[in-house]
Amino acid sequence: REELSRIRKLTSNYQKGKLGLGGEKKGGRNALHEEENINDYVKEVFPKDDNVRGLIYKSIEDKELFDGSSQDELSEIVDIFQPSSFGAGDVVIQQGQMGDEFYVVEKGELSVTVRVDAEHGETSVDGSFNE
């Protein structure tokens, strides 16, 4: 979640021309930009077996959040997924709260309660969900 935001911010700043290759602001006095330099970025990888990698990949490949991502980019995103564990009765996410996490359920059960208007109908969970 934080890692994905960090990658997107660095990439976006670089692609928009906001940063030069050395992390400098373009134009002006070439003052050093306060944001992290894309060239200094080191991806934090969380090891996982092939079955878990496949589960995560299949869960994210058709989600709107990841639209426009290539297969290579999706594989890079799979690398940064962090494991989480929850016990019986734990609240994973709360409807209405701001969030920046995306969950893929590897094993276990959870119940989902969604408050909806009569106009919006019902919802379902397909093994992955986000806030």
Foldseek 3Di string as FASTA:
>chain_A
DVLVVLVVVQVVCVVVQCADQVQFGPDDPSDHDPDDHPVPDDRDFDDDDPVQLVQQLVVPVPDPVCPPPDPVRSSSVSRRDDDDDDDPPDDPDDPPDDFDDKDAAPDDDDDDDDDDDPVPDDDDDDRMDTD
